[in-house]
Amino acid sequence: MMSTTNTLSNAQLEILKLMADNLSEAELEDLKKLLLAFKLRRVTLLADKTWEEKGWSQETMNQFLETHLRTPYQQNQANTTK
């Protein structure tokens, strides 16, 4: 049997320390909103940084929206008749 070790990040450990007490449902909902807002802010900053580094513009985004990047499906040879 293979054992796995889950290591918590520094942020997870800090949150566990802060949240040693049970929260009410309303407090828990507030906490979820705060954590999501924090994550959204970090993702937005990363996206803005990437946008700037790559010199993208609104035109670049429009081109991305119009570009077909999906891999075409290959027809399964077993389903074809000869």
PDB file of N, CA and C in Angstrom:
ATOM      1  N   MET A   1       0.838  -1.178   0.000  1.00  0.00           N
ATOM      2  CA  MET A   1       0.000   0.000   0.000  1.00  0.00           C
ATOM      3  C   MET A   1       0.886   1.245   0.000  1.00  0.00           C
ATOM      4  N   MET A   2       0.566   2.168  -0.895  1.00  0.00           N
ATOM      5  CA  MET A   2       1.366   3.378  -1.026  1.00  0.00           C
ATOM      6  C   MET A   2       0.818   4.471  -0.104  1.00  0.00           C
ATOM      7  N   SER A   3       1.699   5.067   0.684  1.00  0.00           N
ATOM      8  CA  SER A   3       1.248   6.156   1.547  1.00  0.00           C
ATOM      9  C   SER A   3       1.561   7.478   0.882  1.00  0.00           C
ATOM     10  N   THR A   4       0.696   8.444   1.112  1.00  0.00           N
ATOM     11  CA  THR A   4       0.901   9.779   0.567  1.00  0.00           C
ATOM     12  C   THR A   4       1.009  10.759   1.724  1.00  0.00           C
ATOM     13  N   THR A   5       1.806  11.776   1.529  1.00  0.00           N
ATOM     14  CA  THR A   5       1.960  12.825   2.528  1.00  0.00           C
ATOM     15  C   THR A   5       1.431  14.121   1.946  1.00  0.00           C
ATOM     16  N   ASN A   6       0.441  14.680   2.606  1.00  0.00           N
ATOM     17  CA  ASN A   6      -0.100  15.973   2.198  1.00  0.00           C
ATOM     18  C   ASN A   6       0.545  17.046   3.061  1.00  0.00           C
ATOM     19  N   THR A   7       1.201  17.981   2.411  1.00  0.00           N
ATOM     20  CA  THR A   7       1.832  19.074   3.122  1.00  0.00           C
ATOM     21  C   THR A   7       1.012  20.330   2.909  1.00  0.00           C
ATOM     22  N   LEU A   8       0.688  20.998   3.986  1.00  0.00           N
ATOM     23  CA  LEU A   8      -0.069  22.237   3.883  1.00  0.00           C
ATOM     24  C   LEU A   8       0.866  23.391   3.573  1.00  0.00           C
ATOM     25  N   SER A   9       0.363  24.339   2.799  1.00  0.00           N
ATOM     26  CA  SER A   9       1.153  25.526   2.490  1.00  0.00           C
ATOM     27  C   SER A   9       1.199  26.447   3.705  1.00  0.00           C
ATOM     28  N   ASN A  10       2.078  27.432   3.647  1.00  0.00           N
ATOM     29  CA  ASN A  10       2.167  28.391   4.739  1.00  0.00           C
ATOM     30  C   ASN A  10       0.856  29.155   4.921  1.00  0.00           C
ATOM     31  N   ALA A  11       0.174  29.443   3.831  1.00  0.00           N
ATOM     32  CA  ALA A  11      -1.110  30.153   3.915  1.00  0.00           C
ATOM     33  C   ALA A  11      -2.169  29.273   4.581  1.00  0.00           C
ATOM     34  N   GLN A  12      -2.190  27.988   4.224  1.00  0.00           N
ATOM     35  CA  GLN A  12      -3.159  27.081   4.831  1.00  0.00           C
ATOM     36  C   GLN A  12      -2.927  26.956   6.335  1.00  0.00           C
ATOM     37  N   LEU A  13      -1.672  26.835   6.723  1.00  0.00           N
ATOM     38  CA  LEU A  13      -1.355  26.732   8.148  1.00  0.00           C
ATOM     39  C   LEU A  13      -1.770  27.986   8.916  1.00  0.00           C
ATOM     40  N   GLU A  14      -1.529  29.145   8.320  1.00  0.00           N
ATOM     41  CA  GLU A  14      -1.897  30.400   8.981  1.00  0.00           C
ATOM     42  C   GLU A  14      -3.410  30.513   9.127  1.00  0.00           C
ATOM     43  N   ILE A  15      -4.136  30.125   8.098  1.00  0.00           N
ATOM     44  CA  ILE A  15      -5.600  30.167   8.160  1.00  0.00           C
ATOM     45  C   ILE A  15      -6.117  29.210   9.219  1.00  0.00           C
ATOM     46  N   LEU A  16      -5.509  28.026   9.316  1.00  0.00           N
ATOM     47  CA  LEU A  16      -5.927  27.077  10.353  1.00  0.00           C
ATOM     48  C   LEU A  16      -5.725  27.661  11.749  1.00  0.00           C
ATOM     49  N   LYS A  17      -4.606  28.364  11.960  1.00  0.00           N
ATOM     50  CA  LYS A  17      -4.353  28.988  13.252  1.00  0.00           C
ATOM     51  C   LYS A  17      -5.400  30.057  13.553  1.00  0.00           C
ATOM     52  N   LEU A  18      -5.706  30.876  12.547  1.00  0.00           N
ATOM     53  CA  LEU A  18      -6.655  31.971  12.740  1.00  0.00           C
ATOM     54  C   LEU A  18      -8.076  31.465  12.964  1.00  0.00           C
ATOM     55  N   MET A  19      -8.404  30.333  12.385  1.00  0.00           N
ATOM     56  CA  MET A  19      -9.771  29.833  12.408  1.00  0.00           C
ATOM     57  C   MET A  19      -9.951  28.672  13.375  1.00  0.00           C
ATOM     58  N   ALA A  20      -9.272  28.741  14.493  1.00  0.00           N
ATOM     59  CA  ALA A  20      -9.373  27.661  15.474  1.00  0.00           C
ATOM     60  C   ALA A  20     -10.789  27.558  16.046  1.00  0.00           C
ATOM     61  N   ASP A  21     -11.524  28.653  16.075  1.00  0.00           N
ATOM     62  CA  ASP A  21     -12.896  28.650  16.590  1.00  0.00           C
ATOM     63  C   ASP A  21     -13.885  28.426  15.460  1.00  0.00           C
ATOM     64  N   ASN A  22     -15.005  27.821  15.809  1.00  0.00           N
ATOM     65  CA  ASN A  22     -16.069  27.639  14.820  1.00  0.00           C
ATOM     66  C   ASN A  22     -16.689  28.984  14.470  1.00  0.00           C
ATOM     67  N   LEU A  23     -17.047  29.139  13.195  1.00  0.00           N
ATOM     68  CA  LEU A  23     -17.700  30.355  12.721  1.00  0.00           C
ATOM     69  C   LEU A  23     -19.177  30.089  12.502  1.00  0.00           C
ATOM     70  N   SER A  24     -19.958  31.134  12.612  1.00  0.00           N
ATOM     71  CA  SER A  24     -21.374  31.006  12.260  1.00  0.00           C
ATOM     72  C   SER A  24     -21.465  30.879  10.736  1.00  0.00           C
ATOM     73  N   GLU A  25     -22.615  30.501  10.241  1.00  0.00           N
ATOM     74  CA  GLU A  25     -22.800  30.371   8.785  1.00  0.00           C
ATOM     75  C   GLU A  25     -22.564  31.710   8.085  1.00  0.00           C
ATOM     76  N   ALA A  26     -23.031  32.792   8.690  1.00  0.00           N
ATOM     77  CA  ALA A  26     -22.846  34.124   8.097  1.00  0.00           C
ATOM     78  C   ALA A  26     -21.365  34.499   8.073  1.00  0.00           C
ATOM     79  N   GLU A  27     -20.652  34.215   9.167  1.00  0.00           N
ATOM     80  CA  GLU A  27     -19.221  34.506   9.214  1.00  0.00           C
ATOM     81  C   GLU A  27     -18.454  33.659   8.202  1.00  0.00           C
ATOM     82  N   LEU A  28     -18.848  32.405   8.077  1.00  0.00           N
ATOM     83  CA  LEU A  28     -18.203  31.525   7.110  1.00  0.00           C
ATOM     84  C   LEU A  28     -18.424  32.025   5.687  1.00  0.00           C
ATOM     85  N   GLU A  29     -19.612  32.491   5.407  1.00  0.00           N
ATOM     86  CA  GLU A  29     -19.908  33.041   4.078  1.00  0.00           C
ATOM     87  C   GLU A  29     -19.065  34.294   3.820  1.00  0.00           C
ATOM     88  N   ASP A  30     -18.935  35.150   4.820  1.00  0.00           N
ATOM     89  CA  ASP A  30     -18.084  36.341   4.690  1.00  0.00           C
ATOM     90  C   ASP A  30     -16.632  35.952   4.428  1.00  0.00           C
ATOM     91  N   LEU A  31     -16.149  34.952   5.141  1.00  0.00           N
ATOM     92  CA  LEU A  31     -14.772  34.496   4.961  1.00  0.00           C
ATOM     93  C   LEU A  31     -14.557  33.961   3.546  1.00  0.00           C
ATOM     94  N   LYS A  32     -15.509  33.186   3.045  1.00  0.00           N
ATOM     95  CA  LYS A  32     -15.404  32.658   1.679  1.00  0.00           C
ATOM     96  C   LYS A  32     -15.322  33.794   0.667  1.00  0.00           C
ATOM     97  N   LYS A  33     -16.140  34.823   0.863  1.00  0.00           N
ATOM     98  CA  LYS A  33     -16.128  35.965  -0.055  1.00  0.00           C
ATOM     99  C   LYS A  33     -14.788  36.693  -0.011  1.00  0.00           C
ATOM    100  N   LEU A  34     -14.239  36.871   1.202  1.00  0.00           N
ATOM    101  CA  LEU A  34     -12.939  37.524   1.344  1.00  0.00           C
ATOM    102  C   LEU A  34     -11.836  36.723   0.656  1.00  0.00           C
ATOM    103  N   LEU A  35     -11.847  35.418   0.851  1.00  0.00           N
ATOM    104  CA  LEU A  35     -10.816  34.571   0.240  1.00  0.00           C
ATOM    105  C   LEU A  35     -10.932  34.574  -1.282  1.00  0.00           C
ATOM    106  N   LEU A  36     -12.151  34.536  -1.799  1.00  0.00           N
ATOM    107  CA  LEU A  36     -12.337  34.587  -3.247  1.00  0.00           C
ATOM    108  C   LEU A  36     -11.910  35.929  -3.817  1.00  0.00           C
ATOM    109  N   ALA A  37     -12.205  37.013  -3.107  1.00  0.00           N
ATOM    110  CA  ALA A  37     -11.783  38.343  -3.566  1.00  0.00           C
ATOM    111  C   ALA A  37     -10.253  38.436  -3.582  1.00  0.00           C
ATOM    112  N   PHE A  38      -9.610  37.875  -2.573  1.00  0.00           N
ATOM    113  CA  PHE A  38      -8.146  37.861  -2.513  1.00  0.00           C
ATOM    114  C   PHE A  38      -7.572  37.094  -3.695  1.00  0.00           C
ATOM    115  N   LYS A  39      -8.128  35.921  -3.972  1.00  0.00           N
ATOM    116  CA  LYS A  39      -7.654  35.092  -5.093  1.00  0.00           C
ATOM    117  C   LYS A  39      -7.900  35.806  -6.421  1.00  0.00           C
ATOM    118  N   LEU A  40      -9.052  36.409  -6.588  1.00  0.00           N
ATOM    119  CA  LEU A  40      -9.373  37.133  -7.814  1.00  0.00           C
ATOM    120  C   LEU A  40      -8.394  38.280  -8.038  1.00  0.00           C
ATOM    121  N   ARG A  41      -8.066  38.996  -6.974  1.00  0.00           N
ATOM    122  CA  ARG A  41      -7.114  40.102  -7.083  1.00  0.00           C
ATOM    123  C   ARG A  41      -5.744  39.596  -7.543  1.00  0.00           C
ATOM    124  N   ARG A  42      -5.290  38.474  -6.985  1.00  0.00           N
ATOM    125  CA  ARG A  42      -3.991  37.903  -7.373  1.00  0.00           C
ATOM    126  C   ARG A  42      -3.999  37.456  -8.828  1.00  0.00           C
ATOM    127  N   VAL A  43      -5.068  36.805  -9.262  1.00  0.00           N
ATOM    128  CA  VAL A  43      -5.168  36.333 -10.653  1.00  0.00           C
ATOM    129  C   VAL A  43      -5.230  37.525 -11.607  1.00  0.00           C
ATOM    130  N   THR A  44      -5.959  38.554 -11.241  1.00  0.00           N
ATOM    131  CA  THR A  44      -6.067  39.748 -12.081  1.00  0.00           C
ATOM    132  C   THR A  44      -4.710  40.430 -12.229  1.00  0.00           C
ATOM    133  N   LEU A  45      -3.965  40.540 -11.137  1.00  0.00           N
ATOM    134  CA  LEU A  45      -2.633  41.144 -11.203  1.00  0.00           C
ATOM    135  C   LEU A  45      -1.701  40.325 -12.097  1.00  0.00           C
ATOM    136  N   LEU A  46      -1.783  39.014 -12.002  1.00  0.00           N
ATOM    137  CA  LEU A  46      -0.963  38.148 -12.855  1.00  0.00           C
ATOM    138  C   LEU A  46      -1.347  38.309 -14.326  1.00  0.00           C
ATOM    139  N   ALA A  47      -2.640  38.377 -14.600  1.00  0.00           N
ATOM    140  CA  ALA A  47      -3.097  38.574 -15.979  1.00  0.00           C
ATOM    141  C   ALA A  47      -2.652  39.930 -16.511  1.00  0.00           C
ATOM    142  N   ASP A  48      -2.755  40.970 -15.686  1.00  0.00           N
ATOM    143  CA  ASP A  48      -2.309  42.305 -16.103  1.00  0.00           C
ATOM    144  C   ASP A  48      -0.810  42.320 -16.390  1.00  0.00           C
ATOM    145  N   LYS A  49      -0.035  41.632 -15.546  1.00  0.00           N
ATOM    146  CA  LYS A  49       1.410  41.565 -15.740  1.00  0.00           C
ATOM    147  C   LYS A  49       1.736  40.860 -17.062  1.00  0.00           C
ATOM    148  N   THR A  50       1.066  39.752 -17.325  1.00  0.00           N
ATOM    149  CA  THR A  50       1.277  39.008 -18.570  1.00  0.00           C
ATOM    150  C   THR A  50       0.893  39.862 -19.764  1.00  0.00           C
ATOM    151  N   TRP A  51      -0.232  40.553 -19.677  1.00  0.00           N
ATOM    152  CA  TRP A  51      -0.713  41.442 -20.740  1.00  0.00           C
ATOM    153  C   TRP A  51       0.363  42.476 -21.079  1.00  0.00           C
ATOM    154  N   GLU A  52       0.919  43.112 -20.026  1.00  0.00           N
ATOM    155  CA  GLU A  52       1.948  44.144 -20.223  1.00  0.00           C
ATOM    156  C   GLU A  52       3.233  43.552 -20.810  1.00  0.00           C
ATOM    157  N   GLU A  53       3.686  42.430 -20.244  1.00  0.00           N
ATOM    158  CA  GLU A  53       4.942  41.811 -20.699  1.00  0.00           C
ATOM    159  C   GLU A  53       4.873  41.399 -22.169  1.00  0.00           C
ATOM    160  N   LYS A  54       3.717  40.939 -22.599  1.00  0.00           N
ATOM    161  CA  LYS A  54       3.569  40.466 -23.973  1.00  0.00           C
ATOM    162  C   LYS A  54       3.149  41.573 -24.934  1.00  0.00           C
ATOM    163  N   GLY A  55       2.857  42.749 -24.408  1.00  0.00           N
ATOM    164  CA  GLY A  55       2.468  43.872 -25.245  1.00  0.00           C
ATOM    165  C   GLY A  55       1.126  43.669 -25.924  1.00  0.00           C
ATOM    166  N   TRP A  56       0.222  42.974 -25.241  1.00  0.00           N
ATOM    167  CA  TRP A  56      -1.094  42.707 -25.816  1.00  0.00           C
ATOM    168  C   TRP A  56      -1.954  43.963 -25.801  1.00  0.00           C
ATOM    169  N   SER A  57      -2.934  43.977 -26.704  1.00  0.00           N
ATOM    170  CA  SER A  57      -3.893  45.079 -26.783  1.00  0.00           C
ATOM    171  C   SER A  57      -5.294  44.476 -26.910  1.00  0.00           C
ATOM    172  N   GLN A  58      -6.279  45.346 -26.998  1.00  0.00           N
ATOM    173  CA  GLN A  58      -7.638  44.852 -27.197  1.00  0.00           C
ATOM    174  C   GLN A  58      -7.740  44.126 -28.537  1.00  0.00           C
ATOM    175  N   GLU A  59      -6.989  44.596 -29.518  1.00  0.00           N
ATOM    176  CA  GLU A  59      -6.972  43.920 -30.822  1.00  0.00           C
ATOM    177  C   GLU A  59      -6.430  42.493 -30.693  1.00  0.00           C
ATOM    178  N   THR A  60      -5.412  42.313 -29.850  1.00  0.00           N
ATOM    179  CA  THR A  60      -4.869  40.973 -29.602  1.00  0.00           C
ATOM    180  C   THR A  60      -5.947  40.073 -29.022  1.00  0.00           C
ATOM    181  N   MET A  61      -6.710  40.598 -28.091  1.00  0.00           N
ATOM    182  CA  MET A  61      -7.780  39.805 -27.473  1.00  0.00           C
ATOM    183  C   MET A  61      -8.841  39.448 -28.502  1.00  0.00           C
ATOM    184  N   ASN A  62      -9.178  40.384 -29.363  1.00  0.00           N
ATOM    185  CA  ASN A  62     -10.157  40.107 -30.424  1.00  0.00           C
ATOM    186  C   ASN A  62      -9.648  39.006 -31.348  1.00  0.00           C
ATOM    187  N   GLN A  63      -8.348  39.027 -31.647  1.00  0.00           N
ATOM    188  CA  GLN A  63      -7.779  37.978 -32.494  1.00  0.00           C
ATOM    189  C   GLN A  63      -7.829  36.632 -31.788  1.00  0.00           C
ATOM    190  N   PHE A  64      -7.548  36.617 -30.484  1.00  0.00           N
ATOM    191  CA  PHE A  64      -7.640  35.372 -29.721  1.00  0.00           C
ATOM    192  C   PHE A  64      -9.062  34.810 -29.796  1.00  0.00           C
ATOM    193  N   LEU A  65     -10.057  35.681 -29.679  1.00  0.00           N
ATOM    194  CA  LEU A  65     -11.449  35.238 -29.703  1.00  0.00           C
ATOM    195  C   LEU A  65     -11.848  34.663 -31.054  1.00  0.00           C
ATOM    196  N   GLU A  66     -11.227  35.143 -32.115  1.00  0.00           N
ATOM    197  CA  GLU A  66     -11.574  34.699 -33.460  1.00  0.00           C
ATOM    198  C   GLU A  66     -10.724  33.526 -33.949  1.00  0.00           C
ATOM    199  N   THR A  67      -9.693  33.150 -33.196  1.00  0.00           N
ATOM    200  CA  THR A  67      -8.785  32.091 -33.615  1.00  0.00           C
ATOM    201  C   THR A  67      -9.302  30.739 -33.152  1.00  0.00           C
ATOM    202  N   HIS A  68      -9.314  29.782 -34.067  1.00  0.00           N
ATOM    203  CA  HIS A  68      -9.738  28.423 -33.752  1.00  0.00           C
ATOM    204  C   HIS A  68      -8.510  27.635 -33.336  1.00  0.00           C
ATOM    205  N   LEU A  69      -8.410  27.291 -32.051  1.00  0.00           N
ATOM    206  CA  LEU A  69      -7.225  26.622 -31.537  1.00  0.00           C
ATOM    207  C   LEU A  69      -7.483  25.169 -31.132  1.00  0.00           C
ATOM    208  N   ARG A  70      -8.681  24.676 -31.377  1.00  0.00           N
ATOM    209  CA  ARG A  70      -8.999  23.311 -30.981  1.00  0.00           C
ATOM    210  C   ARG A  70      -8.301  22.305 -31.876  1.00  0.00           C
ATOM    211  N   THR A  71      -7.925  21.195 -31.297  1.00  0.00           N
ATOM    212  CA  THR A  71      -7.317  20.111 -32.056  1.00  0.00           C
ATOM    213  C   THR A  71      -8.418  19.362 -32.790  1.00  0.00           C
ATOM    214  N   PRO A  72      -8.254  19.130 -34.103  1.00  0.00           N
ATOM    215  CA  PRO A  72      -9.301  18.403 -34.823  1.00  0.00           C
ATOM    216  C   PRO A  72      -9.377  16.951 -34.339  1.00  0.00           C
ATOM    217  N   TYR A  73     -10.587  16.438 -34.290  1.00  0.00           N
ATOM    218  CA  TYR A  73     -10.787  15.059 -33.889  1.00  0.00           C
ATOM    219  C   TYR A  73     -10.399  14.140 -35.027  1.00  0.00           C
ATOM    220  N   GLN A  74      -9.805  13.006 -34.677  1.00  0.00           N
ATOM    221  CA  GLN A  74      -9.489  12.005 -35.681  1.00  0.00           C
ATOM    222  C   GLN A  74     -10.606  10.980 -35.683  1.00  0.00           C
ATOM    223  N   GLN A  75     -10.985  10.568 -36.870  1.00  0.00           N
ATOM    224  CA  GLN A  75     -12.049   9.578 -36.982  1.00  0.00           C
ATOM    225  C   GLN A  75     -11.516   8.241 -36.512  1.00  0.00           C
ATOM    226  N   ASN A  76     -12.279   7.577 -35.672  1.00  0.00           N
ATOM    227  CA  ASN A  76     -11.885   6.278 -35.145  1.00  0.00           C
ATOM    228  C   ASN A  76     -11.908   5.241 -36.261  1.00  0.00           C
ATOM    229  N   GLN A  77     -10.778   4.605 -36.523  1.00  0.00           N
ATOM    230  CA  GLN A  77     -10.662   3.631 -37.610  1.00  0.00           C
ATOM    231  C   GLN A  77     -11.564   2.432 -37.377  1.00  0.00           C
ATOM    232  N   ALA A  78     -11.855   2.067 -36.147  1.00  0.00           N
ATOM    233  CA  ALA A  78     -12.686   0.900 -35.845  1.00  0.00           C
ATOM    234  C   ALA A  78     -14.131   1.137 -36.251  1.00  0.00           C
ATOM    235  N   ASN A  79     -14.556   2.368 -36.332  1.00  0.00           N
ATOM    236  CA  ASN A  79     -15.945   2.674 -36.665  1.00  0.00           C
ATOM    237  C   ASN A  79     -16.186   2.861 -38.141  1.00  0.00           C
ATOM    238  N   THR A  80     -15.150   2.817 -38.948  1.00  0.00           N
ATOM    239  CA  THR A  80     -15.324   3.016 -40.387  1.00  0.00           C
ATOM    240  C   THR A  80     -15.483   1.665 -41.059  1.00  0.00           C
ATOM    241  N   THR A  81     -16.289   1.654 -42.108  1.00  0.00           N
ATOM    242  CA  THR A  81     -16.486   0.412 -42.864  1.00  0.00           C
ATOM    243  C   THR A  81     -15.721   0.518 -44.168  1.00  0.00           C
ATOM    244  N   LYS A  82     -15.261  -0.620 -44.642  1.00  0.00           N
ATOM    245  CA  LYS A  82     -14.468  -0.634 -45.876  1.00  0.00           C
ATOM    246  C   LYS A  82     -15.303  -1.030 -47.046  1.00  0.00           C
TER     247      LYS A  82
END
